[in-house]
Amino acid sequence: MIGQVESYSDAKRYGFIRGDDGRKYYVSRGNIDKKRVPSGVLHPGSTVEFNTGEGNKVFNVKYL
């Protein structure tokens, strides 16, 4: 799925992504693809690709 980072706190190590389906998803630092985002930090406004998990959790988050 494609989405846009709404918010991300490096200090708290989590944030939220708005998916192209209109839903809001939770992302934690451990679910960011370290090969594609070595810093492990997402920047608000950035477009990302991700897989959905249980409920509103996502994994394998990477920049497009």
C-alpha atoms as a PDB file:
ATOM      1  CA  MET A   1       0.000   0.000   0.000  1.00  0.00           C
ATOM      2  CA  ILE A   2       1.067   3.603  -0.562  1.00  0.00           C
ATOM      3  CA  GLY A   3       0.604   6.371   1.997  1.00  0.00           C
ATOM      4  CA  GLN A   4       1.911   9.631   3.391  1.00  0.00           C
ATOM      5  CA  VAL A   5       3.654  10.091   6.732  1.00  0.00           C
ATOM      6  CA  GLU A   6       1.415  12.290   8.892  1.00  0.00           C
ATOM      7  CA  SER A   7       3.676  12.387  11.941  1.00  0.00           C
ATOM      8  CA  TYR A   8       6.729  10.647  13.363  1.00  0.00           C
ATOM      9  CA  SER A   9       8.611  11.226  16.626  1.00  0.00           C
ATOM     10  CA  ASP A  10      12.195   9.991  16.638  1.00  0.00           C
ATOM     11  CA  ALA A  11      12.257  10.442  20.436  1.00  0.00           C
ATOM     12  CA  LYS A  12       9.158   8.278  20.915  1.00  0.00           C
ATOM     13  CA  ARG A  13      10.040   5.989  17.969  1.00  0.00           C
ATOM     14  CA  TYR A  14       6.580   5.868  16.462  1.00  0.00           C
ATOM     15  CA  GLY A  15       4.252   7.788  14.207  1.00  0.00           C
ATOM     16  CA  PHE A  16       1.273   7.629  11.889  1.00  0.00           C
ATOM     17  CA  ILE A  17       0.786   7.133   8.164  1.00  0.00           C
ATOM     18  CA  ARG A  18      -2.355   7.984   6.171  1.00  0.00           C
ATOM     19  CA  GLY A  19      -2.878   5.184   3.658  1.00  0.00           C
ATOM     20  CA  ASP A  20      -4.218   5.710   0.155  1.00  0.00           C
ATOM     21  CA  ASP A  21      -7.349   3.932   1.423  1.00  0.00           C
ATOM     22  CA  GLY A  22      -7.980   6.885   3.776  1.00  0.00           C
ATOM     23  CA  ARG A  23      -7.179   4.940   6.960  1.00  0.00           C
ATOM     24  CA  LYS A  24      -4.664   6.063   9.586  1.00  0.00           C
ATOM     25  CA  TYR A  25      -1.952   3.507  10.407  1.00  0.00           C
ATOM     26  CA  TYR A  26       0.469   3.197  13.327  1.00  0.00           C
ATOM     27  CA  VAL A  27       4.168   2.662  12.598  1.00  0.00           C
ATOM     28  CA  SER A  28       6.902   1.919  15.129  1.00  0.00           C
ATOM     29  CA  ARG A  29      10.616   2.230  14.424  1.00  0.00           C
ATOM     30  CA  GLY A  30      11.015  -1.553  14.484  1.00  0.00           C
ATOM     31  CA  ASN A  31       8.702  -1.851  11.473  1.00  0.00           C
ATOM     32  CA  ILE A  32      10.679   0.496   9.226  1.00  0.00           C
ATOM     33  CA  ASP A  33      12.771  -1.265   6.558  1.00  0.00           C
ATOM     34  CA  LYS A  34      16.338  -0.481   7.715  1.00  0.00           C
ATOM     35  CA  LYS A  35      17.801  -1.362   4.304  1.00  0.00           C
ATOM     36  CA  ARG A  36      15.644   1.259   2.581  1.00  0.00           C
ATOM     37  CA  VAL A  37      15.519   3.792   5.467  1.00  0.00           C
ATOM     38  CA  PRO A  38      18.906   3.389   7.228  1.00  0.00           C
ATOM     39  CA  SER A  39      18.241   6.212   9.710  1.00  0.00           C
ATOM     40  CA  GLY A  40      15.012   4.537  10.856  1.00  0.00           C
ATOM     41  CA  VAL A  41      13.365   7.970  10.882  1.00  0.00           C
ATOM     42  CA  LEU A  42      10.324   8.930   8.792  1.00  0.00           C
ATOM     43  CA  HIS A  43       9.720  12.534   7.774  1.00  0.00           C
ATOM     44  CA  PRO A  44       6.182  13.989   7.807  1.00  0.00           C
ATOM     45  CA  GLY A  45       4.871  14.636   4.307  1.00  0.00           C
ATOM     46  CA  SER A  46       6.970  11.864   2.755  1.00  0.00           C
ATOM     47  CA  THR A  47       5.391   9.209   0.558  1.00  0.00           C
ATOM     48  CA  VAL A  48       6.002   5.646   1.702  1.00  0.00           C
ATOM     49  CA  GLU A  49       5.117   2.103   0.740  1.00  0.00           C
ATOM     50  CA  PHE A  50       4.146  -0.421   3.415  1.00  0.00           C
ATOM     51  CA  ASN A  51       2.378  -3.661   4.227  1.00  0.00           C
ATOM     52  CA  THR A  52      -0.568  -3.774   6.585  1.00  0.00           C
ATOM     53  CA  GLY A  53      -0.690  -5.994   9.650  1.00  0.00           C
ATOM     54  CA  GLU A  54      -3.085  -6.555  12.531  1.00  0.00           C
ATOM     55  CA  GLY A  55      -5.556  -3.731  13.036  1.00  0.00           C
ATOM     56  CA  ASN A  56      -3.929  -0.460  12.090  1.00  0.00           C
ATOM     57  CA  LYS A  57      -0.274  -1.584  12.359  1.00  0.00           C
ATOM     58  CA  VAL A  58       2.095  -1.549   9.393  1.00  0.00           C
ATOM     59  CA  PHE A  59       5.451  -3.154   8.608  1.00  0.00           C
ATOM     60  CA  ASN A  60       8.178  -3.054   5.922  1.00  0.00           C
ATOM     61  CA  VAL A  61       7.806   0.723   5.626  1.00  0.00           C
ATOM     62  CA  LYS A  62      10.058   2.294   3.001  1.00  0.00           C
ATOM     63  CA  TYR A  63      10.296   5.556   1.080  1.00  0.00           C
ATOM     64  CA  LEU A  64       9.198   5.651  -2.545  1.00  0.00           C
END
